[in-house]
Amino acid sequence: MATKDHLDGTHLNDKGKTVFGRMVADQLIRTQVDLGPDVKVSRRSS
């Protein structure tokens, strides 16, 4: 849990980067459909 004096870097660890990046990519292709074919899917296992 993030507090005023502590930065929550959850999205910066290896698993967090994958999850957060996918969320951003999914939202991007929903709003900018023409970019969809250019978004690459990571095949990394969790």
N, C-alpha and C. Protein backbone atom coordinates (compact mmCIF):
# COMPACT_ATOMS: atom_id res chain seq x y z
N MET A 1 0.84 -1.18 0.00
CA MET A 1 0.00 0.00 0.00
C MET A 1 0.89 1.24 0.00
N ALA A 2 0.64 2.15 -0.91
CA ALA A 2 1.42 3.37 -1.01
C ALA A 2 1.00 4.36 0.07
N THR A 3 1.99 5.01 0.62
CA THR A 3 1.72 6.07 1.58
C THR A 3 2.33 7.35 1.05
N LYS A 4 2.09 8.42 1.77
CA LYS A 4 2.61 9.73 1.37
C LYS A 4 4.13 9.71 1.26
N ASP A 5 4.79 8.94 2.14
CA ASP A 5 6.25 8.91 2.17
C ASP A 5 6.86 7.72 1.45
N HIS A 6 6.04 6.88 0.85
CA HIS A 6 6.54 5.67 0.20
C HIS A 6 5.97 5.55 -1.21
N LEU A 7 6.85 5.43 -2.19
CA LEU A 7 6.44 5.26 -3.58
C LEU A 7 6.05 3.81 -3.85
N ASP A 8 4.90 3.60 -4.43
CA ASP A 8 4.47 2.26 -4.81
C ASP A 8 5.02 1.96 -6.20
N GLY A 9 6.04 1.15 -6.27
CA GLY A 9 6.68 0.82 -7.55
C GLY A 9 6.24 -0.51 -8.11
N THR A 10 5.08 -1.00 -7.70
CA THR A 10 4.59 -2.30 -8.14
C THR A 10 4.65 -2.46 -9.66
N HIS A 11 4.28 -1.41 -10.38
CA HIS A 11 4.26 -1.50 -11.85
C HIS A 11 5.66 -1.50 -12.45
N LEU A 12 6.69 -1.36 -11.62
CA LEU A 12 8.06 -1.33 -12.12
C LEU A 12 8.79 -2.66 -11.99
N ASN A 13 8.22 -3.62 -11.25
CA ASN A 13 8.90 -4.92 -11.17
C ASN A 13 8.60 -5.72 -12.44
N ASP A 14 9.25 -6.86 -12.60
CA ASP A 14 9.12 -7.61 -13.86
C ASP A 14 7.68 -7.99 -14.19
N LYS A 15 6.97 -8.55 -13.23
CA LYS A 15 5.58 -8.94 -13.50
C LYS A 15 4.71 -7.70 -13.70
N GLY A 16 4.93 -6.68 -12.89
CA GLY A 16 4.15 -5.45 -12.99
C GLY A 16 4.33 -4.76 -14.34
N LYS A 17 5.55 -4.77 -14.86
CA LYS A 17 5.80 -4.15 -16.18
C LYS A 17 5.00 -4.85 -17.26
N THR A 18 4.94 -6.18 -17.17
CA THR A 18 4.20 -6.95 -18.17
C THR A 18 2.70 -6.64 -18.09
N VAL A 19 2.17 -6.68 -16.88
CA VAL A 19 0.73 -6.44 -16.69
C VAL A 19 0.37 -5.00 -17.05
N PHE A 20 1.13 -4.04 -16.55
CA PHE A 20 0.85 -2.63 -16.81
C PHE A 20 1.01 -2.31 -18.30
N GLY A 21 2.05 -2.85 -18.92
CA GLY A 21 2.28 -2.62 -20.34
C GLY A 21 1.14 -3.16 -21.19
N ARG A 22 0.62 -4.34 -20.82
CA ARG A 22 -0.50 -4.93 -21.56
C ARG A 22 -1.75 -4.09 -21.41
N MET A 23 -1.97 -3.55 -20.19
CA MET A 23 -3.14 -2.69 -19.96
C MET A 23 -3.06 -1.43 -20.83
N VAL A 24 -1.88 -0.85 -20.90
CA VAL A 24 -1.68 0.35 -21.72
C VAL A 24 -1.88 0.02 -23.20
N ALA A 25 -1.30 -1.08 -23.65
CA ALA A 25 -1.42 -1.48 -25.06
C ALA A 25 -2.88 -1.76 -25.43
N ASP A 26 -3.60 -2.46 -24.53
CA ASP A 26 -5.01 -2.76 -24.81
C ASP A 26 -5.83 -1.49 -24.94
N GLN A 27 -5.59 -0.54 -24.04
CA GLN A 27 -6.34 0.72 -24.09
C GLN A 27 -5.97 1.51 -25.36
N LEU A 28 -4.71 1.48 -25.72
CA LEU A 28 -4.25 2.19 -26.92
C LEU A 28 -4.95 1.67 -28.16
N ILE A 29 -5.03 0.34 -28.31
CA ILE A 29 -5.66 -0.19 -29.52
C ILE A 29 -7.17 -0.06 -29.50
N ARG A 30 -7.76 0.15 -28.32
CA ARG A 30 -9.20 0.44 -28.26
C ARG A 30 -9.48 1.85 -28.76
N THR A 31 -8.60 2.79 -28.43
CA THR A 31 -8.83 4.18 -28.80
C THR A 31 -8.19 4.56 -30.13
N GLN A 32 -7.14 3.84 -30.53
CA GLN A 32 -6.45 4.10 -31.79
C GLN A 32 -6.40 2.79 -32.58
N VAL A 33 -7.55 2.39 -33.09
CA VAL A 33 -7.71 1.09 -33.73
C VAL A 33 -6.69 0.85 -34.84
N ASP A 34 -6.33 1.88 -35.57
CA ASP A 34 -5.38 1.71 -36.68
C ASP A 34 -3.98 1.30 -36.21
N LEU A 35 -3.68 1.45 -34.92
CA LEU A 35 -2.38 1.02 -34.40
C LEU A 35 -2.37 -0.46 -33.99
N GLY A 36 -3.53 -1.07 -33.92
CA GLY A 36 -3.65 -2.45 -33.47
C GLY A 36 -2.69 -3.42 -34.12
N PRO A 37 -2.57 -3.42 -35.44
CA PRO A 37 -1.67 -4.37 -36.09
C PRO A 37 -0.20 -4.17 -35.71
N ASP A 38 0.16 -3.00 -35.22
CA ASP A 38 1.55 -2.72 -34.87
C ASP A 38 1.90 -3.07 -33.43
N VAL A 39 0.90 -3.39 -32.62
CA VAL A 39 1.15 -3.74 -31.21
C VAL A 39 1.55 -5.21 -31.14
N LYS A 40 2.72 -5.46 -30.57
CA LYS A 40 3.25 -6.82 -30.48
C LYS A 40 2.82 -7.45 -29.16
N VAL A 41 2.58 -8.74 -29.20
CA VAL A 41 2.17 -9.51 -28.02
C VAL A 41 3.40 -10.20 -27.46
N SER A 42 3.63 -10.02 -26.17
CA SER A 42 4.73 -10.70 -25.51
C SER A 42 4.35 -12.16 -25.26
N ARG A 43 5.23 -13.06 -25.50
CA ARG A 43 4.98 -14.49 -25.29
C ARG A 43 5.60 -14.98 -24.00
N ARG A 44 6.04 -14.04 -23.13
CA ARG A 44 6.65 -14.43 -21.85
C ARG A 44 5.63 -15.11 -20.95
N SER A 45 6.07 -16.11 -20.24
CA SER A 45 5.17 -16.75 -19.28
C SER A 45 5.26 -16.01 -17.96
N SER A 46 4.19 -16.03 -17.17
CA SER A 46 4.18 -15.31 -15.90
C SER A 46 4.80 -16.12 -14.80
